[in-house]
Each structure stands twice: as C-alpha cells, then as structure tokens.
C-alpha atoms as a PDB file:
ATOM      1  CA  MET A   1     -56.229  -4.311  84.603  1.00  0.00           C
ATOM      2  CA  HIS A   2     -56.317  -8.082  85.381  1.00  0.00           C
ATOM      3  CA  SER A   3     -60.177  -7.926  85.923  1.00  0.00           C
ATOM      4  CA  GLN A   4     -60.438  -6.278  82.438  1.00  0.00           C
ATOM      5  CA  GLU A   5     -58.215  -8.997  80.813  1.00  0.00           C
ATOM      6  CA  ASP A   6     -60.453 -11.771  82.438  1.00  0.00           C
ATOM      7  CA  LYS A   7     -63.513 -10.264  80.744  1.00  0.00           C
ATOM      8  CA  ILE A   8     -61.907 -10.131  77.313  1.00  0.00           C
ATOM      9  CA  GLY A   9     -60.442 -13.588  77.474  1.00  0.00           C
ATOM     10  CA  ALA A  10     -63.426 -15.164  78.842  1.00  0.00           C
ATOM     11  CA  LYS A  11     -65.203 -17.975  76.602  1.00  0.00           C
ATOM     12  CA  LYS A  12     -68.888 -17.911  76.450  1.00  0.00           C
ATOM     13  CA  THR A  13     -70.974 -20.885  75.425  1.00  0.00           C
ATOM     14  CA  ILE A  14     -73.909 -20.431  73.459  1.00  0.00           C
ATOM     15  CA  SER A  15     -76.602 -23.229  72.913  1.00  0.00           C
ATOM     16  CA  ILE A  16     -79.077 -23.307  70.142  1.00  0.00           C
ATOM     17  CA  LYS A  17     -82.122 -25.454  70.141  1.00  0.00           C
ATOM     18  CA  ALA A  18     -83.303 -26.549  66.841  1.00  0.00           C
ATOM     19  CA  LYS A  19     -86.929 -26.269  66.301  1.00  0.00           C
ATOM     20  CA  THR A  20     -88.674 -28.973  63.863  1.00  0.00           C
ATOM     21  CA  THR A  21     -91.947 -28.264  62.283  1.00  0.00           C
ATOM     22  CA  SER A  22     -93.796 -30.748  60.075  1.00  0.00           C
ATOM     23  CA  VAL A  23     -94.653 -29.749  56.654  1.00  0.00           C
ATOM     24  CA  ASN A  24     -98.357 -30.592  55.846  1.00  0.00           C
ATOM     25  CA  LYS A  25     -99.462 -28.142  53.171  1.00  0.00           C
ATOM     26  CA  SER A  26    -101.909 -29.210  50.297  1.00  0.00           C
ATOM     27  CA  GLY A  27    -100.116 -30.016  47.098  1.00  0.00           C
ATOM     28  CA  ASP A  28     -96.814 -31.034  48.792  1.00  0.00           C
ATOM     29  CA  LEU A  29     -95.151 -34.233  47.745  1.00  0.00           C
ATOM     30  CA  ASN A  30     -96.055 -35.884  50.989  1.00  0.00           C
ATOM     31  CA  PHE A  31     -92.515 -36.922  51.609  1.00  0.00           C
ATOM     32  CA  ASP A  32     -91.798 -38.883  54.836  1.00  0.00           C
ATOM     33  CA  ALA A  33     -88.984 -40.892  56.092  1.00  0.00           C
ATOM     34  CA  THR A  34     -90.948 -44.383  55.898  1.00  0.00           C
ATOM     35  CA  LYS A  35     -92.423 -44.007  52.288  1.00  0.00           C
ATOM     36  CA  GLY A  36     -89.372 -41.937  50.827  1.00  0.00           C
ATOM     37  CA  PHE A  37     -90.486 -40.634  47.221  1.00  0.00           C
ATOM     38  CA  LYS A  38     -93.200 -43.206  46.762  1.00  0.00           C
ATOM     39  CA  ASN A  39     -95.991 -40.484  46.882  1.00  0.00           C
ATOM     40  CA  ALA A  40     -94.060 -38.045  45.021  1.00  0.00           C
ATOM     41  CA  TYR A  41     -93.521 -40.605  42.244  1.00  0.00           C
ATOM     42  CA  ASN A  42     -97.359 -41.412  42.317  1.00  0.00           C
ATOM     43  CA  ASN A  43     -98.158 -37.696  41.988  1.00  0.00           C
ATOM     44  CA  SER A  44     -96.005 -37.390  38.813  1.00  0.00           C
ATOM     45  CA  GLN A  45     -97.745 -40.077  37.098  1.00  0.00           C
ATOM     46  CA  LYS A  46    -101.109 -38.018  36.351  1.00  0.00           C
ATOM     47  CA  THR A  47    -102.685 -38.222  32.919  1.00  0.00           C
ATOM     48  CA  GLN A  48    -102.625 -35.351  30.722  1.00  0.00           C
ATOM     49  CA  ALA A  49    -106.262 -34.433  31.375  1.00  0.00           C
ATOM     50  CA  GLN A  50    -105.579 -34.243  35.137  1.00  0.00           C
ATOM     51  CA  LYS A  51    -102.527 -32.001  34.548  1.00  0.00           C
ATOM     52  CA  ASP A  52    -104.806 -29.640  32.338  1.00  0.00           C
ATOM     53  CA  LEU A  53    -107.480 -29.774  35.173  1.00  0.00           C
ATOM     54  CA  ASP A  54    -104.876 -29.042  37.853  1.00  0.00           C
ATOM     55  CA  LEU A  55    -103.551 -26.178  35.771  1.00  0.00           C
ATOM     56  CA  LYS A  56    -106.970 -24.753  35.158  1.00  0.00           C
ATOM     57  CA  ASN A  57    -107.841 -24.936  38.919  1.00  0.00           C
ATOM     58  CA  LYS A  58    -104.385 -22.945  39.548  1.00  0.00           C
ATOM     59  CA  GLY A  59    -105.585 -20.211  37.147  1.00  0.00           C
ATOM     60  CA  ILE A  60    -103.148 -21.414  34.428  1.00  0.00           C
ATOM     61  CA  ILE A  61    -104.924 -22.044  30.994  1.00  0.00           C
ATOM     62  CA  SER A  62    -104.153 -25.036  29.107  1.00  0.00           C
ATOM     63  CA  GLN A  63    -103.225 -24.980  25.334  1.00  0.00           C
ATOM     64  CA  ALA A  64    -106.583 -26.399  24.477  1.00  0.00           C
ATOM     65  CA  LYS A  65    -108.294 -23.797  26.194  1.00  0.00           C
ATOM     66  CA  ILE A  66    -106.449 -20.989  24.546  1.00  0.00           C
ATOM     67  CA  ASN A  67    -107.194 -22.541  21.128  1.00  0.00           C
ATOM     68  CA  GLU A  68    -111.078 -22.814  21.965  1.00  0.00           C
ATOM     69  CA  GLU A  69    -111.176 -19.117  23.318  1.00  0.00           C
ATOM     70  CA  ARG A  70    -109.379 -17.912  20.126  1.00  0.00           C
ATOM     71  CA  ILE A  71    -111.872 -19.751  17.816  1.00  0.00           C
ATOM     72  CA  LEU A  72    -114.852 -18.343  19.930  1.00  0.00           C
ATOM     73  CA  LYS A  73    -113.513 -14.629  19.885  1.00  0.00           C
ATOM     74  CA  ALA A  74    -113.680 -14.671  15.934  1.00  0.00           C
ATOM     75  CA  TYR A  75    -117.565 -15.596  16.369  1.00  0.00           C
ATOM     76  CA  LYS A  76    -120.255 -13.212  17.621  1.00  0.00           C
ATOM     77  CA  LYS A  77    -122.784 -14.822  19.719  1.00  0.00           C
ATOM     78  CA  ILE A  78    -126.361 -13.560  18.866  1.00  0.00           C
ATOM     79  CA  ASN A  79    -129.471 -15.054  20.348  1.00  0.00           C
ATOM     80  CA  GLY A  80    -127.637 -18.003  21.741  1.00  0.00           C
ATOM     81  CA  ARG A  81    -125.954 -18.859  18.408  1.00  0.00           C
ATOM     82  CA  TYR A  82    -122.535 -18.105  17.230  1.00  0.00           C
ATOM     83  CA  GLN A  83    -122.445 -15.931  14.070  1.00  0.00           C
ATOM     84  CA  TYR A  84    -119.444 -16.525  11.806  1.00  0.00           C
ATOM     85  CA  PRO A  85    -117.543 -13.769  10.504  1.00  0.00           C
ATOM     86  CA  LYS A  86    -118.515 -12.609   7.148  1.00  0.00           C
ATOM     87  CA  ILE A  87    -115.348 -13.176   4.980  1.00  0.00           C
ATOM     88  CA  ASP A  88    -115.582 -13.589   1.328  1.00  0.00           C
ATOM     89  CA  GLN A  89    -113.541 -16.568  -0.207  1.00  0.00           C
ATOM     90  CA  ASP A  90    -111.371 -16.670  -3.483  1.00  0.00           C
ATOM     91  CA  LEU A  91    -111.591 -19.863  -5.039  1.00  0.00           C
ATOM     92  CA  GLY A  92    -108.902 -19.314  -7.740  1.00  0.00           C
ATOM     93  CA  SER A  93    -108.584 -18.420 -11.387  1.00  0.00           C
ATOM     94  CA  PHE A  94    -108.690 -20.828 -14.306  1.00  0.00           C
ATOM     95  CA  ARG A  95    -108.633 -20.929 -18.219  1.00  0.00           C
ATOM     96  CA  THR A  96    -110.685 -22.634 -20.644  1.00  0.00           C
ATOM     97  CA  ASP A  97    -111.873 -22.587 -24.358  1.00  0.00           C
ATOM     98  CA  SER A  98    -115.348 -24.160 -23.670  1.00  0.00           C
ATOM     99  CA  ASN A  99    -118.372 -22.271 -24.384  1.00  0.00           C
ATOM    100  CA  ASN A 100    -120.246 -23.744 -21.188  1.00  0.00           C
ATOM    101  CA  ILE A 101    -119.250 -24.839 -17.664  1.00  0.00           C
ATOM    102  CA  THR A 102    -120.881 -27.437 -15.566  1.00  0.00           C
ATOM    103  CA  ILE A 103    -121.209 -26.796 -11.772  1.00  0.00           C
ATOM    104  CA  ILE A 104    -121.917 -29.811  -9.503  1.00  0.00           C
ATOM    105  CA  CYS A 105    -122.421 -28.665  -5.683  1.00  0.00           C
ATOM    106  CA  ARG A 106    -123.632 -30.159  -2.424  1.00  0.00           C
ATOM    107  CA  ASP A 107    -123.350 -29.806   1.299  1.00  0.00           C
ATOM    108  CA  PHE A 108    -120.273 -31.611   2.259  1.00  0.00           C
ATOM    109  CA  GLN A 109    -121.210 -31.714   5.923  1.00  0.00           C
ATOM    110  CA  TYR A 110    -124.680 -32.676   7.542  1.00  0.00           C
ATOM    111  CA  PRO A 111    -127.306 -31.385   5.139  1.00  0.00           C
ATOM    112  CA  ASP A 112    -129.036 -28.671   7.264  1.00  0.00           C
ATOM    113  CA  GLY A 113    -130.582 -26.352   4.822  1.00  0.00           C
ATOM    114  CA  ASP A 114    -127.758 -24.395   3.368  1.00  0.00           C
ATOM    115  CA  MET A 115    -128.680 -22.204   0.465  1.00  0.00           C
ATOM    116  CA  VAL A 116    -126.834 -20.378  -2.206  1.00  0.00           C
ATOM    117  CA  THR A 117    -127.602 -18.160  -5.225  1.00  0.00           C
ATOM    118  CA  ILE A 118    -125.078 -18.512  -8.227  1.00  0.00           C
ATOM    119  CA  LEU A 119    -124.108 -15.353 -10.110  1.00  0.00           C
ATOM    120  CA  VAL A 120    -122.183 -14.881 -13.408  1.00  0.00           C
ATOM    121  CA  ASN A 121    -120.766 -11.522 -13.851  1.00  0.00           C
ATOM    122  CA  ASP A 122    -122.875 -10.243 -10.931  1.00  0.00           C
ATOM    123  CA  ILE A 123    -126.195 -11.535 -12.578  1.00  0.00           C
ATOM    124  CA  PRO A 124    -128.112 -13.956 -10.602  1.00  0.00           C
ATOM    125  CA  ILE A 125    -128.327 -17.163 -12.829  1.00  0.00           C
ATOM    126  CA  ILE A 126    -129.603 -19.673 -10.491  1.00  0.00           C
ATOM    127  CA  ARG A 127    -131.384 -18.779  -7.343  1.00  0.00           C
ATOM    128  CA  ASN A 128    -131.964 -20.153  -3.997  1.00  0.00           C
ATOM    129  CA  ILE A 129    -130.292 -23.588  -4.281  1.00  0.00           C
ATOM    130  CA  THR A 130    -130.887 -25.784  -1.114  1.00  0.00           C
ATOM    131  CA  LEU A 131    -127.621 -27.877  -0.822  1.00  0.00           C
ATOM    132  CA  GLU A 132    -128.187 -31.485  -0.059  1.00  0.00           C
ATOM    133  CA  ARG A 133    -126.087 -34.614   0.390  1.00  0.00           C
ATOM    134  CA  ASN A 134    -126.121 -35.442  -3.339  1.00  0.00           C
ATOM    135  CA  TYR A 135    -124.704 -33.092  -5.829  1.00  0.00           C
ATOM    136  CA  LYS A 136    -126.866 -30.836  -7.981  1.00  0.00           C
ATOM    137  CA  LYS A 137    -125.902 -30.100 -11.495  1.00  0.00           C
ATOM    138  CA  PHE A 138    -126.022 -26.692 -13.523  1.00  0.00           C
ATOM    139  CA  THR A 139    -124.757 -25.817 -17.063  1.00  0.00           C
ATOM    140  CA  ILE A 140    -123.849 -22.239 -17.496  1.00  0.00           C
ATOM    141  CA  PRO A 141    -122.899 -20.571 -20.838  1.00  0.00           C
ATOM    142  CA  ILE A 142    -119.742 -18.290 -20.559  1.00  0.00           C
ATOM    143  CA  GLY A 143    -118.501 -15.631 -22.777  1.00  0.00           C
ATOM    144  CA  ILE A 144    -115.091 -14.696 -24.068  1.00  0.00           C
ATOM    145  CA  GLY A 145    -112.821 -12.780 -21.514  1.00  0.00           C
ATOM    146  CA  ILE A 146    -113.179 -13.060 -17.746  1.00  0.00           C
ATOM    147  CA  ASN A 147    -116.281 -14.674 -16.218  1.00  0.00           C
ATOM    148  CA  LYS A 148    -116.694 -14.115 -12.633  1.00  0.00           C
ATOM    149  CA  ILE A 149    -118.681 -17.143 -10.901  1.00  0.00           C
ATOM    150  CA  ALA A 150    -119.945 -16.208  -7.482  1.00  0.00           C
ATOM    151  CA  PHE A 151    -121.661 -18.185  -4.847  1.00  0.00           C
ATOM    152  CA  ILE A 152    -123.583 -16.162  -2.332  1.00  0.00           C
ATOM    153  CA  ALA A 153    -124.518 -17.793   0.867  1.00  0.00           C
ATOM    154  CA  LEU A 154    -127.898 -17.047   1.563  1.00  0.00           C
ATOM    155  CA  ASN A 155    -128.033 -18.494   5.154  1.00  0.00           C
ATOM    156  CA  GLN A 156    -126.009 -20.920   7.481  1.00  0.00           C
ATOM    157  CA  GLY A 157    -128.562 -23.744   7.616  1.00  0.00           C
ATOM    158  CA  THR A 158    -129.455 -24.719  11.170  1.00  0.00           C
ATOM    159  CA  SER A 159    -126.004 -25.408  12.283  1.00  0.00           C
ATOM    160  CA  GLY A 160    -123.700 -23.079  10.429  1.00  0.00           C
ATOM    161  CA  PRO A 161    -121.510 -22.176   8.584  1.00  0.00           C
ATOM    162  CA  ASN A 162    -122.763 -22.348   5.092  1.00  0.00           C
ATOM    163  CA  THR A 163    -120.686 -25.556   3.801  1.00  0.00           C
ATOM    164  CA  ALA A 164    -120.535 -26.693   0.225  1.00  0.00           C
ATOM    165  CA  ALA A 165    -118.233 -28.798  -2.009  1.00  0.00           C
ATOM    166  CA  PHE A 166    -118.241 -28.017  -5.697  1.00  0.00           C
ATOM    167  CA  LYS A 167    -116.606 -28.943  -8.851  1.00  0.00           C
ATOM    168  CA  VAL A 168    -116.492 -27.127 -12.289  1.00  0.00           C
ATOM    169  CA  TYR A 169    -116.180 -28.888 -15.493  1.00  0.00           C
ATOM    170  CA  ASP A 170    -115.563 -27.671 -19.129  1.00  0.00           C
ATOM    171  CA  ASP A 171    -117.790 -28.789 -21.868  1.00  0.00           C
ATOM    172  CA  LYS A 172    -115.495 -31.750 -22.682  1.00  0.00           C
ATOM    173  CA  ASN A 173    -116.143 -32.983 -18.954  1.00  0.00           C
ATOM    174  CA  ASN A 174    -112.650 -31.894 -17.987  1.00  0.00           C
ATOM    175  CA  LEU A 175    -112.277 -30.949 -14.322  1.00  0.00           C
ATOM    176  CA  ILE A 176    -111.370 -27.241 -13.966  1.00  0.00           C
ATOM    177  CA  SER A 177    -111.716 -26.654 -10.393  1.00  0.00           C
ATOM    178  CA  SER A 178    -112.620 -28.639  -7.198  1.00  0.00           C
ATOM    179  CA  ASN A 179    -112.986 -26.948  -3.867  1.00  0.00           C
ATOM    180  CA  GLU A 180    -115.024 -26.227  -0.573  1.00  0.00           C
ATOM    181  CA  TRP A 181    -116.294 -23.287   1.275  1.00  0.00           C
ATOM    182  CA  ASN A 182    -117.380 -22.308   4.842  1.00  0.00           C
ATOM    183  CA  LEU A 183    -119.459 -19.102   4.615  1.00  0.00           C
ATOM    184  CA  ALA A 184    -121.237 -16.904   6.785  1.00  0.00           C
ATOM    185  CA  THR A 185    -124.557 -15.558   5.690  1.00  0.00           C
ATOM    186  CA  GLY A 186    -124.118 -12.945   3.047  1.00  0.00           C
ATOM    187  CA  ALA A 187    -120.377 -13.960   2.392  1.00  0.00           C
ATOM    188  CA  VAL A 188    -119.421 -14.771  -1.294  1.00  0.00           C
ATOM    189  CA  ALA A 189    -116.990 -17.583  -2.799  1.00  0.00           C
ATOM    190  CA  THR A 190    -115.689 -16.425  -6.265  1.00  0.00           C
ATOM    191  CA  ILE A 191    -113.928 -18.142  -9.089  1.00  0.00           C
ATOM    192  CA  LEU A 192    -112.686 -16.501 -12.214  1.00  0.00           C
ATOM    193  CA  ILE A 193    -112.879 -18.316 -15.467  1.00  0.00           C
ATOM    194  CA  ALA A 194    -110.907 -16.879 -18.507  1.00  0.00           C
ATOM    195  CA  LYS A 195    -112.411 -18.088 -21.792  1.00  0.00           C
ATOM    196  CA  ASP A 196    -109.974 -18.058 -24.706  1.00  0.00           C
ATOM    197  CA  LYS A 197    -111.141 -17.019 -28.244  1.00  0.00           C
END
C-alpha cells in the first residue's frame, strides 16, 4: 500500500530544451536584433512601379494590366495588326430650316490615309474623301423631312481606327453639330437632320 502511494505522490521533473531556428527566406522583412525594423521600413518605401512588378512576379495582375487586357480583348489581331470592332456610331439628331448644310471634316489625329464616303438618305453624294490635317468643306442640299447623313469608314489608315472630327453648319453659318468618330473599316457614323417646312 505504501509503495503504491509513493508512486502516486512522486513528483517528476520534465526539462524542455527550446530549439531556435533562424528564418532566412527570400521576401521576409530581414529583421534582426541589431537593425530593428530598418530593413522592413526600407522595403516598404518601394515605388508604385516596383510594387506592380512585384505583384506581376507573384502572379497577381495589376489594375493597369487588367485595363490593357480588357481593351485588347475588344480587338481582333489579324496579320499582326489589331482590327477594331465594327460598331456604328449615332452622332445625334438636329433640326434646321436651311435648304443646304455645309460639312467640314478632317483627321483629328495623325493623318494616316483615313478615307470616308458621305451618303444622304443612303445615296452616296461624296465618295472616297481622304481625311487630312486641314478641314475639307462640302455643301449638300437637304429636303423637307428627315435627312440621314451617313459617313462610311472605307479604311482605318495605317494606324487605325478611322478618326475624324467634323462640323455641320446651316446655310446661315450657324453650327448645327460638332463631333468626332473612331470607326472600324465598314462602320458608319450617322447624323439625322430634320428640315422644317
């Protein structure tokens, strides 16, 4: 009986040896007791460009890269050149009591050979205009009712897309419309002009 109590009441001493390991992984803060957080602070002072590069290297895509990929997805690459999506453009509707309208148009970016044809109510009136740095001027008669003026992009020049700035004036030289377009080959920019009686 006594021997059993001795075993139960006996105290055991357990010793634990702590094992220390130095952490030396790439990308850690390089903290040590002599330098404190100096290296950690220096690492936090990276430029935005370096942070974007670090994210890219870690497989995380930056916002700039996301935006670039979204734009490029809208274009189709053919023979090494991006083809812009063929989307027609509505340039608005306007009223006038003029018998004629005057259209002036030019390439608002670098002149690269962009060409258009102007149609009135689906009839080609002025064909194969090459847009240049200076405005070209055209006077077109319009009839009573709705007149649909359409600009068809015949090409995209050497750099694409077809870029034009245009203004439309009535016969009293009042500005009716002023706008720009960015069109793929074959796309149409349309303006509606209602002529009152």
